[in-house]
Amino acid sequence: MHTKLLTKTQQTWLDHFNKATDQNLSMSTYAKKNNLALPAFYHARSVLIKKEVLQKSPHLSLIPLTATPVSTKIVTTSCRIIRGACWG
């Protein structure tokens, strides 16, 4: 993380983020526990990310996954609907 000049308010929010991390709490849980407005918490987070004081949480990014098939057996079915019935 970079050392940036922060306003007193930004430093206060940063302290909250650090405490939430230390306590292993989500932003929502920490905000409720400390009577903080969640939208203000999210806004402060985005400001601190833009100032490069906080890093974006890795769980907020999409991570490519590779799925391995459970079985190589391919099962296909087909049906025809006639008067609400399905015939195989």
PDB file of N, CA and C in Angstrom:
ATOM      1  N   MET A   1       0.829  -1.178   0.000  1.00  0.00           N
ATOM      2  CA  MET A   1       0.000   0.000   0.000  1.00  0.00           C
ATOM      3  C   MET A   1       0.874   1.242   0.000  1.00  0.00           C
ATOM      4  N   HIS A   2       0.354   2.291  -0.564  1.00  0.00           N
ATOM      5  CA  HIS A   2       1.086   3.542  -0.676  1.00  0.00           C
ATOM      6  C   HIS A   2       0.776   4.440   0.516  1.00  0.00           C
ATOM      7  N   THR A   3       1.742   5.278   0.839  1.00  0.00           N
ATOM      8  CA  THR A   3       1.517   6.266   1.876  1.00  0.00           C
ATOM      9  C   THR A   3       0.936   7.506   1.211  1.00  0.00           C
ATOM     10  N   LYS A   4      -0.287   7.855   1.567  1.00  0.00           N
ATOM     11  CA  LYS A   4      -0.973   9.013   0.998  1.00  0.00           C
ATOM     12  C   LYS A   4      -1.456   9.895   2.140  1.00  0.00           C
ATOM     13  N   LEU A   5      -1.562  11.179   1.871  1.00  0.00           N
ATOM     14  CA  LEU A   5      -2.132  12.088   2.857  1.00  0.00           C
ATOM     15  C   LEU A   5      -3.639  11.883   2.896  1.00  0.00           C
ATOM     16  N   LEU A   6      -4.163  11.683   4.071  1.00  0.00           N
ATOM     17  CA  LEU A   6      -5.592  11.457   4.239  1.00  0.00           C
ATOM     18  C   LEU A   6      -6.186  12.547   5.099  1.00  0.00           C
ATOM     19  N   THR A   7      -7.440  12.844   4.838  1.00  0.00           N
ATOM     20  CA  THR A   7      -8.157  13.754   5.732  1.00  0.00           C
ATOM     21  C   THR A   7      -8.418  13.004   7.033  1.00  0.00           C
ATOM     22  N   LYS A   8      -8.821  13.723   8.044  1.00  0.00           N
ATOM     23  CA  LYS A   8      -9.125  13.099   9.340  1.00  0.00           C
ATOM     24  C   LYS A   8     -10.259  12.074   9.175  1.00  0.00           C
ATOM     25  N   THR A   9     -11.255  12.423   8.377  1.00  0.00           N
ATOM     26  CA  THR A   9     -12.384  11.517   8.138  1.00  0.00           C
ATOM     27  C   THR A   9     -11.923  10.258   7.409  1.00  0.00           C
ATOM     28  N   GLN A  10     -11.088  10.431   6.379  1.00  0.00           N
ATOM     29  CA  GLN A  10     -10.587   9.274   5.643  1.00  0.00           C
ATOM     30  C   GLN A  10      -9.752   8.370   6.546  1.00  0.00           C
ATOM     31  N   GLN A  11      -8.970   8.969   7.426  1.00  0.00           N
ATOM     32  CA  GLN A  11      -8.168   8.172   8.358  1.00  0.00           C
ATOM     33  C   GLN A  11      -9.072   7.400   9.317  1.00  0.00           C
ATOM     34  N   THR A  12     -10.151   8.037   9.747  1.00  0.00           N
ATOM     35  CA  THR A  12     -11.108   7.365  10.628  1.00  0.00           C
ATOM     36  C   THR A  12     -11.712   6.150   9.931  1.00  0.00           C
ATOM     37  N   TRP A  13     -12.119   6.328   8.667  1.00  0.00           N
ATOM     38  CA  TRP A  13     -12.680   5.213   7.906  1.00  0.00           C
ATOM     39  C   TRP A  13     -11.627   4.118   7.710  1.00  0.00           C
ATOM     40  N   LEU A  14     -10.396   4.503   7.419  1.00  0.00           N
ATOM     41  CA  LEU A  14      -9.338   3.521   7.250  1.00  0.00           C
ATOM     42  C   LEU A  14      -9.144   2.717   8.534  1.00  0.00           C
ATOM     43  N   ASP A  15      -9.204   3.389   9.659  1.00  0.00           N
ATOM     44  CA  ASP A  15      -9.103   2.695  10.947  1.00  0.00           C
ATOM     45  C   ASP A  15     -10.238   1.683  11.105  1.00  0.00           C
ATOM     46  N   HIS A  16     -11.444   2.061  10.672  1.00  0.00           N
ATOM     47  CA  HIS A  16     -12.577   1.128  10.728  1.00  0.00           C
ATOM     48  C   HIS A  16     -12.314  -0.088   9.837  1.00  0.00           C
ATOM     49  N   PHE A  17     -11.810   0.141   8.629  1.00  0.00           N
ATOM     50  CA  PHE A  17     -11.518  -0.979   7.736  1.00  0.00           C
ATOM     51  C   PHE A  17     -10.481  -1.909   8.340  1.00  0.00           C
ATOM     52  N   ASN A  18      -9.456  -1.331   8.934  1.00  0.00           N
ATOM     53  CA  ASN A  18      -8.415  -2.149   9.554  1.00  0.00           C
ATOM     54  C   ASN A  18      -8.968  -2.956  10.725  1.00  0.00           C
ATOM     55  N   LYS A  19      -9.838  -2.347  11.522  1.00  0.00           N
ATOM     56  CA  LYS A  19     -10.450  -3.072  12.646  1.00  0.00           C
ATOM     57  C   LYS A  19     -11.354  -4.191  12.148  1.00  0.00           C
ATOM     58  N   ALA A  20     -12.120  -3.920  11.099  1.00  0.00           N
ATOM     59  CA  ALA A  20     -12.994  -4.956  10.534  1.00  0.00           C
ATOM     60  C   ALA A  20     -12.155  -6.132  10.045  1.00  0.00           C
ATOM     61  N   THR A  21     -11.049  -5.822   9.395  1.00  0.00           N
ATOM     62  CA  THR A  21     -10.152  -6.876   8.897  1.00  0.00           C
ATOM     63  C   THR A  21      -9.546  -7.647  10.058  1.00  0.00           C
ATOM     64  N   ASP A  22      -9.081  -6.937  11.081  1.00  0.00           N
ATOM     65  CA  ASP A  22      -8.481  -7.586  12.251  1.00  0.00           C
ATOM     66  C   ASP A  22      -9.476  -8.510  12.948  1.00  0.00           C
ATOM     67  N   GLN A  23     -10.750  -8.099  12.956  1.00  0.00           N
ATOM     68  CA  GLN A  23     -11.794  -8.885  13.608  1.00  0.00           C
ATOM     69  C   GLN A  23     -12.409  -9.925  12.663  1.00  0.00           C
ATOM     70  N   ASN A  24     -11.903  -9.965  11.431  1.00  0.00           N
ATOM     71  CA  ASN A  24     -12.390 -10.895  10.416  1.00  0.00           C
ATOM     72  C   ASN A  24     -13.906 -10.771  10.206  1.00  0.00           C
ATOM     73  N   LEU A  25     -14.376  -9.512  10.124  1.00  0.00           N
ATOM     74  CA  LEU A  25     -15.800  -9.238   9.933  1.00  0.00           C
ATOM     75  C   LEU A  25     -16.035  -8.645   8.554  1.00  0.00           C
ATOM     76  N   SER A  26     -17.191  -8.958   7.988  1.00  0.00           N
ATOM     77  CA  SER A  26     -17.584  -8.323   6.731  1.00  0.00           C
ATOM     78  C   SER A  26     -17.885  -6.858   7.010  1.00  0.00           C
ATOM     79  N   MET A  27     -17.895  -6.067   5.947  1.00  0.00           N
ATOM     80  CA  MET A  27     -18.210  -4.642   6.108  1.00  0.00           C
ATOM     81  C   MET A  27     -19.603  -4.479   6.696  1.00  0.00           C
ATOM     82  N   SER A  28     -20.542  -5.271   6.232  1.00  0.00           N
ATOM     83  CA  SER A  28     -21.919  -5.179   6.706  1.00  0.00           C
ATOM     84  C   SER A  28     -22.008  -5.479   8.206  1.00  0.00           C
ATOM     85  N   THR A  29     -21.383  -6.559   8.621  1.00  0.00           N
ATOM     86  CA  THR A  29     -21.419  -6.948  10.036  1.00  0.00           C
ATOM     87  C   THR A  29     -20.726  -5.906  10.903  1.00  0.00           C
ATOM     88  N   TYR A  30     -19.555  -5.444  10.457  1.00  0.00           N
ATOM     89  CA  TYR A  30     -18.821  -4.445  11.227  1.00  0.00           C
ATOM     90  C   TYR A  30     -19.621  -3.152  11.335  1.00  0.00           C
ATOM     91  N   ALA A  31     -20.240  -2.732  10.229  1.00  0.00           N
ATOM     92  CA  ALA A  31     -21.028  -1.496  10.237  1.00  0.00           C
ATOM     93  C   ALA A  31     -22.192  -1.599  11.217  1.00  0.00           C
ATOM     94  N   LYS A  32     -22.897  -2.715  11.193  1.00  0.00           N
ATOM     95  CA  LYS A  32     -24.023  -2.902  12.123  1.00  0.00           C
ATOM     96  C   LYS A  32     -23.539  -2.898  13.564  1.00  0.00           C
ATOM     97  N   LYS A  33     -22.454  -3.614  13.807  1.00  0.00           N
ATOM     98  CA  LYS A  33     -21.901  -3.730  15.159  1.00  0.00           C
ATOM     99  C   LYS A  33     -21.464  -2.377  15.717  1.00  0.00           C
ATOM    100  N   ASN A  34     -21.025  -1.473  14.833  1.00  0.00           N
ATOM    101  CA  ASN A  34     -20.498  -0.180  15.268  1.00  0.00           C
ATOM    102  C   ASN A  34     -21.398   0.997  14.908  1.00  0.00           C
ATOM    103  N   ASN A  35     -22.651   0.702  14.569  1.00  0.00           N
ATOM    104  CA  ASN A  35     -23.644   1.741  14.234  1.00  0.00           C
ATOM    105  C   ASN A  35     -23.151   2.695  13.149  1.00  0.00           C
ATOM    106  N   LEU A  36     -22.572   2.127  12.095  1.00  0.00           N
ATOM    107  CA  LEU A  36     -22.094   2.922  10.962  1.00  0.00           C
ATOM    108  C   LEU A  36     -23.055   2.742   9.791  1.00  0.00           C
ATOM    109  N   ALA A  37     -23.252   3.802   9.036  1.00  0.00           N
ATOM    110  CA  ALA A  37     -24.099   3.723   7.850  1.00  0.00           C
ATOM    111  C   ALA A  37     -23.359   2.929   6.780  1.00  0.00           C
ATOM    112  N   LEU A  38     -23.941   1.811   6.355  1.00  0.00           N
ATOM    113  CA  LEU A  38     -23.275   0.946   5.382  1.00  0.00           C
ATOM    114  C   LEU A  38     -22.976   1.660   4.061  1.00  0.00           C
ATOM    115  N   PRO A  39     -23.913   2.477   3.512  1.00  0.00           N
ATOM    116  CA  PRO A  39     -23.567   3.190   2.267  1.00  0.00           C
ATOM    117  C   PRO A  39     -22.354   4.113   2.442  1.00  0.00           C
ATOM    118  N   ALA A  40     -22.244   4.759   3.590  1.00  0.00           N
ATOM    119  CA  ALA A  40     -21.086   5.630   3.849  1.00  0.00           C
ATOM    120  C   ALA A  40     -19.809   4.802   3.946  1.00  0.00           C
ATOM    121  N   PHE A  41     -19.928   3.615   4.530  1.00  0.00           N
ATOM    122  CA  PHE A  41     -18.784   2.708   4.646  1.00  0.00           C
ATOM    123  C   PHE A  41     -18.290   2.301   3.252  1.00  0.00           C
ATOM    124  N   TYR A  42     -19.229   1.932   2.378  1.00  0.00           N
ATOM    125  CA  TYR A  42     -18.870   1.558   1.006  1.00  0.00           C
ATOM    126  C   TYR A  42     -18.282   2.749   0.241  1.00  0.00           C
ATOM    127  N   HIS A  43     -18.857   3.916   0.439  1.00  0.00           N
ATOM    128  CA  HIS A  43     -18.338   5.107  -0.248  1.00  0.00           C
ATOM    129  C   HIS A  43     -16.904   5.403   0.206  1.00  0.00           C
ATOM    130  N   ALA A  44     -16.688   5.351   1.502  1.00  0.00           N
ATOM    131  CA  ALA A  44     -15.345   5.597   2.035  1.00  0.00           C
ATOM    132  C   ALA A  44     -14.360   4.570   1.475  1.00  0.00           C
ATOM    133  N   ARG A  45     -14.809   3.328   1.358  1.00  0.00           N
ATOM    134  CA  ARG A  45     -13.955   2.279   0.800  1.00  0.00           C
ATOM    135  C   ARG A  45     -13.556   2.619  -0.637  1.00  0.00           C
ATOM    136  N   SER A  46     -14.527   3.061  -1.442  1.00  0.00           N
ATOM    137  CA  SER A  46     -14.206   3.381  -2.841  1.00  0.00           C
ATOM    138  C   SER A  46     -13.246   4.568  -2.926  1.00  0.00           C
ATOM    139  N   VAL A  47     -13.412   5.548  -2.042  1.00  0.00           N
ATOM    140  CA  VAL A  47     -12.495   6.699  -2.026  1.00  0.00           C
ATOM    141  C   VAL A  47     -11.088   6.244  -1.659  1.00  0.00           C
ATOM    142  N   LEU A  48     -10.976   5.392  -0.658  1.00  0.00           N
ATOM    143  CA  LEU A  48      -9.666   4.920  -0.223  1.00  0.00           C
ATOM    144  C   LEU A  48      -9.005   4.016  -1.269  1.00  0.00           C
ATOM    145  N   ILE A  49      -9.804   3.278  -2.016  1.00  0.00           N
ATOM    146  CA  ILE A  49      -9.253   2.467  -3.113  1.00  0.00           C
ATOM    147  C   ILE A  49      -8.710   3.383  -4.210  1.00  0.00           C
ATOM    148  N   LYS A  50      -9.464   4.446  -4.545  1.00  0.00           N
ATOM    149  CA  LYS A  50      -9.006   5.391  -5.565  1.00  0.00           C
ATOM    150  C   LYS A  50      -7.726   6.098  -5.137  1.00  0.00           C
ATOM    151  N   LYS A  51      -7.585   6.337  -3.837  1.00  0.00           N
ATOM    152  CA  LYS A  51      -6.370   6.977  -3.325  1.00  0.00           C
ATOM    153  C   LYS A  51      -5.234   5.967  -3.169  1.00  0.00           C
ATOM    154  N   GLU A  52      -5.513   4.716  -3.525  1.00  0.00           N
ATOM    155  CA  GLU A  52      -4.543   3.618  -3.431  1.00  0.00           C
ATOM    156  C   GLU A  52      -4.082   3.355  -2.009  1.00  0.00           C
ATOM    157  N   VAL A  53      -4.980   3.595  -1.057  1.00  0.00           N
ATOM    158  CA  VAL A  53      -4.688   3.318   0.343  1.00  0.00           C
ATOM    159  C   VAL A  53      -5.208   1.927   0.696  1.00  0.00           C
ATOM    160  N   LEU A  54      -6.314   1.552   0.105  1.00  0.00           N
ATOM    161  CA  LEU A  54      -6.875   0.212   0.262  1.00  0.00           C
ATOM    162  C   LEU A  54      -6.786  -0.507  -1.071  1.00  0.00           C
ATOM    163  N   GLN A  55      -6.683  -1.814  -0.989  1.00  0.00           N
ATOM    164  CA  GLN A  55      -6.727  -2.618  -2.202  1.00  0.00           C
ATOM    165  C   GLN A  55      -8.123  -3.192  -2.348  1.00  0.00           C
ATOM    166  N   LYS A  56      -8.519  -3.387  -3.590  1.00  0.00           N
ATOM    167  CA  LYS A  56      -9.812  -3.998  -3.853  1.00  0.00           C
ATOM    168  C   LYS A  56      -9.807  -5.409  -3.286  1.00  0.00           C
ATOM    169  N   SER A  57     -10.894  -5.788  -2.643  1.00  0.00           N
ATOM    170  CA  SER A  57     -10.995  -7.133  -2.087  1.00  0.00           C
ATOM    171  C   SER A  57     -10.965  -8.157  -3.205  1.00  0.00           C
ATOM    172  N   PRO A  58     -10.181  -9.213  -3.037  1.00  0.00           N
ATOM    173  CA  PRO A  58     -10.105 -10.215  -4.102  1.00  0.00           C
ATOM    174  C   PRO A  58     -11.427 -10.910  -4.356  1.00  0.00           C
ATOM    175  N   HIS A  59     -12.295 -11.020  -3.338  1.00  0.00           N
ATOM    176  CA  HIS A  59     -13.569 -11.711  -3.545  1.00  0.00           C
ATOM    177  C   HIS A  59     -14.551 -10.880  -4.367  1.00  0.00           C
ATOM    178  N   LEU A  60     -14.208  -9.636  -4.671  1.00  0.00           N
ATOM    179  CA  LEU A  60     -15.082  -8.817  -5.494  1.00  0.00           C
ATOM    180  C   LEU A  60     -14.772  -8.952  -6.979  1.00  0.00           C
ATOM    181  N   SER A  61     -13.727  -9.674  -7.299  1.00  0.00           N
ATOM    182  CA  SER A  61     -13.335  -9.852  -8.688  1.00  0.00           C
ATOM    183  C   SER A  61     -13.775 -11.224  -9.178  1.00  0.00           C
ATOM    184  N   LEU A  62     -14.032 -11.305 -10.468  1.00  0.00           N
ATOM    185  CA  LEU A  62     -14.364 -12.594 -11.046  1.00  0.00           C
ATOM    186  C   LEU A  62     -13.086 -13.392 -11.245  1.00  0.00           C
ATOM    187  N   ILE A  63     -13.128 -14.647 -10.872  1.00  0.00           N
ATOM    188  CA  ILE A  63     -11.972 -15.517 -11.000  1.00  0.00           C
ATOM    189  C   ILE A  63     -12.337 -16.638 -11.961  1.00  0.00           C
ATOM    190  N   PRO A  64     -11.547 -16.823 -13.024  1.00  0.00           N
ATOM    191  CA  PRO A  64     -11.872 -17.895 -13.967  1.00  0.00           C
ATOM    192  C   PRO A  64     -11.693 -19.262 -13.320  1.00  0.00           C
ATOM    193  N   LEU A  65     -12.636 -20.141 -13.543  1.00  0.00           N
ATOM    194  CA  LEU A  65     -12.582 -21.493 -13.008  1.00  0.00           C
ATOM    195  C   LEU A  65     -12.629 -22.492 -14.150  1.00  0.00           C
ATOM    196  N   THR A  66     -12.012 -23.623 -13.938  1.00  0.00           N
ATOM    197  CA  THR A  66     -12.086 -24.705 -14.904  1.00  0.00           C
ATOM    198  C   THR A  66     -12.878 -25.831 -14.271  1.00  0.00           C
ATOM    199  N   ALA A  67     -13.950 -26.218 -14.923  1.00  0.00           N
ATOM    200  CA  ALA A  67     -14.793 -27.287 -14.398  1.00  0.00           C
ATOM    201  C   ALA A  67     -14.351 -28.621 -14.979  1.00  0.00           C
ATOM    202  N   THR A  68     -14.239 -29.610 -14.121  1.00  0.00           N
ATOM    203  CA  THR A  68     -13.903 -30.953 -14.557  1.00  0.00           C
ATOM    204  C   THR A  68     -15.177 -31.783 -14.566  1.00  0.00           C
ATOM    205  N   PRO A  69     -15.494 -32.416 -15.700  1.00  0.00           N
ATOM    206  CA  PRO A  69     -16.716 -33.213 -15.753  1.00  0.00           C
ATOM    207  C   PRO A  69     -16.674 -34.351 -14.742  1.00  0.00           C
ATOM    208  N   VAL A  70     -17.809 -34.602 -14.106  1.00  0.00           N
ATOM    209  CA  VAL A  70     -17.907 -35.677 -13.131  1.00  0.00           C
ATOM    210  C   VAL A  70     -17.872 -37.023 -13.846  1.00  0.00           C
ATOM    211  N   SER A  71     -18.484 -37.074 -14.984  1.00  0.00           N
ATOM    212  CA  SER A  71     -18.548 -38.313 -15.733  1.00  0.00           C
ATOM    213  C   SER A  71     -18.376 -38.007 -17.219  1.00  0.00           C
ATOM    214  N   THR A  72     -17.759 -38.938 -17.932  1.00  0.00           N
ATOM    215  CA  THR A  72     -17.623 -38.753 -19.369  1.00  0.00           C
ATOM    216  C   THR A  72     -18.821 -39.335 -20.112  1.00  0.00           C
ATOM    217  N   LYS A  73     -19.677 -40.047 -19.397  1.00  0.00           N
ATOM    218  CA  LYS A  73     -20.870 -40.631 -20.007  1.00  0.00           C
ATOM    219  C   LYS A  73     -21.859 -39.519 -20.313  1.00  0.00           C
ATOM    220  N   ILE A  74     -22.268 -39.429 -21.556  1.00  0.00           N
ATOM    221  CA  ILE A  74     -23.213 -38.399 -21.972  1.00  0.00           C
ATOM    222  C   ILE A  74     -24.598 -39.019 -22.072  1.00  0.00           C
ATOM    223  N   VAL A  75     -25.520 -38.452 -21.353  1.00  0.00           N
ATOM    224  CA  VAL A  75     -26.891 -38.931 -21.365  1.00  0.00           C
ATOM    225  C   VAL A  75     -27.741 -37.876 -22.038  1.00  0.00           C
ATOM    226  N   THR A  76     -28.464 -38.291 -23.051  1.00  0.00           N
ATOM    227  CA  THR A  76     -29.367 -37.364 -23.718  1.00  0.00           C
ATOM    228  C   THR A  76     -30.785 -37.899 -23.634  1.00  0.00           C
ATOM    229  N   THR A  77     -31.678 -37.005 -23.510  1.00  0.00           N
ATOM    230  CA  THR A  77     -33.092 -37.384 -23.503  1.00  0.00           C
ATOM    231  C   THR A  77     -33.838 -36.450 -24.432  1.00  0.00           C
ATOM    232  N   SER A  78     -34.912 -36.948 -24.920  1.00  0.00           N
ATOM    233  CA  SER A  78     -35.780 -36.099 -25.716  1.00  0.00           C
ATOM    234  C   SER A  78     -37.211 -36.454 -25.369  1.00  0.00           C
ATOM    235  N   CYS A  79     -38.070 -35.511 -25.533  1.00  0.00           N
ATOM    236  CA  CYS A  79     -39.469 -35.784 -25.265  1.00  0.00           C
ATOM    237  C   CYS A  79     -40.330 -34.950 -26.192  1.00  0.00           C
ATOM    238  N   ARG A  80     -41.528 -35.384 -26.339  1.00  0.00           N
ATOM    239  CA  ARG A  80     -42.496 -34.704 -27.173  1.00  0.00           C
ATOM    240  C   ARG A  80     -43.721 -34.463 -26.299  1.00  0.00           C
ATOM    241  N   ILE A  81     -44.216 -33.241 -26.278  1.00  0.00           N
ATOM    242  CA  ILE A  81     -45.373 -32.919 -25.453  1.00  0.00           C
ATOM    243  C   ILE A  81     -46.640 -33.093 -26.285  1.00  0.00           C
ATOM    244  N   ILE A  82     -47.477 -33.985 -25.803  1.00  0.00           N
ATOM    245  CA  ILE A  82     -48.758 -34.239 -26.448  1.00  0.00           C
ATOM    246  C   ILE A  82     -49.811 -34.169 -25.362  1.00  0.00           C
ATOM    247  N   ARG A  83     -50.690 -33.164 -25.439  1.00  0.00           N
ATOM    248  CA  ARG A  83     -51.763 -32.986 -24.466  1.00  0.00           C
ATOM    249  C   ARG A  83     -51.245 -33.023 -23.034  1.00  0.00           C
ATOM    250  N   GLY A  84     -50.105 -32.353 -22.824  1.00  0.00           N
ATOM    251  CA  GLY A  84     -49.575 -32.225 -21.465  1.00  0.00           C
ATOM    252  C   GLY A  84     -48.779 -33.425 -20.993  1.00  0.00           C
ATOM    253  N   ALA A  85     -48.621 -34.457 -21.801  1.00  0.00           N
ATOM    254  CA  ALA A  85     -47.836 -35.628 -21.375  1.00  0.00           C
ATOM    255  C   ALA A  85     -46.485 -35.607 -22.063  1.00  0.00           C
ATOM    256  N   CYS A  86     -45.504 -36.194 -21.440  1.00  0.00           N
ATOM    257  CA  CYS A  86     -44.184 -36.286 -22.033  1.00  0.00           C
ATOM    258  C   CYS A  86     -43.909 -37.744 -22.365  1.00  0.00           C
ATOM    259  N   TRP A  87     -43.620 -37.979 -23.610  1.00  0.00           N
ATOM    260  CA  TRP A  87     -43.338 -39.338 -24.084  1.00  0.00           C
ATOM    261  C   TRP A  87     -41.875 -39.437 -24.465  1.00  0.00           C
ATOM    262  N   GLY A  88     -41.181 -40.429 -23.990  1.00  0.00           N
ATOM    263  CA  GLY A  88     -39.772 -40.591 -24.285  1.00  0.00           C
ATOM    264  C   GLY A  88     -39.501 -41.289 -25.592  1.00  0.00           C
TER     265      GLY A  88
END
